[in-house]
């Protein structure tokens, strides 16, 4: 049972990391578009 819980936490952390990466990429793209 502990193993499953740990895998769920790792999965959620991975999703959050992907989400943050995507947001930062979009934000940087917006900033670059505004600078031009």
C-alpha atoms as a PDB file:
ATOM      1  CA  UNK A   1       0.000   0.000   0.000  1.00  0.00           C
ATOM      2  CA  UNK A   2       2.836   2.410   0.809  1.00  0.00           C
ATOM      3  CA  UNK A   3       4.407   1.688  -2.587  1.00  0.00           C
ATOM      4  CA  UNK A   4       1.229   2.669  -4.424  1.00  0.00           C
ATOM      5  CA  UNK A   5       0.957   5.892  -2.427  1.00  0.00           C
ATOM      6  CA  UNK A   6       4.561   6.793  -3.265  1.00  0.00           C
ATOM      7  CA  UNK A   7       3.971   6.170  -6.983  1.00  0.00           C
ATOM      8  CA  UNK A   8       0.869   8.370  -6.895  1.00  0.00           C
ATOM      9  CA  UNK A   9       2.856  11.181  -5.272  1.00  0.00           C
ATOM     10  CA  UNK A  10       5.628  10.835  -7.874  1.00  0.00           C
ATOM     11  CA  UNK A  11       3.018  10.906 -10.651  1.00  0.00           C
ATOM     12  CA  UNK A  12       1.383  14.049  -9.249  1.00  0.00           C
ATOM     13  CA  UNK A  13       4.761  15.749  -8.820  1.00  0.00           C
ATOM     14  CA  UNK A  14       5.616  14.918 -12.430  1.00  0.00           C
ATOM     15  CA  UNK A  15       2.321  16.374 -13.614  1.00  0.00           C
ATOM     16  CA  UNK A  16       2.888  19.546 -11.600  1.00  0.00           C
ATOM     17  CA  UNK A  17       6.405  19.890 -13.021  1.00  0.00           C
ATOM     18  CA  UNK A  18       5.094  19.533 -16.589  1.00  0.00           C
ATOM     19  CA  UNK A  19       2.332  22.034 -15.848  1.00  0.00           C
ATOM     20  CA  UNK A  20       4.810  24.587 -14.460  1.00  0.00           C
ATOM     21  CA  UNK A  21       7.167  24.069 -17.398  1.00  0.00           C
ATOM     22  CA  UNK A  22       4.342  24.674 -19.863  1.00  0.00           C
ATOM     23  CA  UNK A  23       3.213  27.819 -18.027  1.00  0.00           C
ATOM     24  CA  UNK A  24       6.756  29.223 -17.919  1.00  0.00           C
ATOM     25  CA  UNK A  25       7.234  28.501 -21.639  1.00  0.00           C
ATOM     26  CA  UNK A  26       3.974  30.296 -22.489  1.00  0.00           C
ATOM     27  CA  UNK A  27       4.915  33.207 -20.215  1.00  0.00           C
ATOM     28  CA  UNK A  28       8.339  33.579 -21.824  1.00  0.00           C
ATOM     29  CA  UNK A  29       6.745  33.462 -25.281  1.00  0.00           C
ATOM     30  CA  UNK A  30       4.307  36.206 -24.268  1.00  0.00           C
ATOM     31  CA  UNK A  31       7.143  38.367 -22.908  1.00  0.00           C
ATOM     32  CA  UNK A  32       9.166  37.895 -26.100  1.00  0.00           C
ATOM     33  CA  UNK A  33       6.138  38.848 -28.223  1.00  0.00           C
ATOM     34  CA  UNK A  34       5.594  41.998 -26.157  1.00  0.00           C
ATOM     35  CA  UNK A  35       9.242  43.056 -26.468  1.00  0.00           C
ATOM     36  CA  UNK A  36       9.219  43.014 -30.288  1.00  0.00           C
END
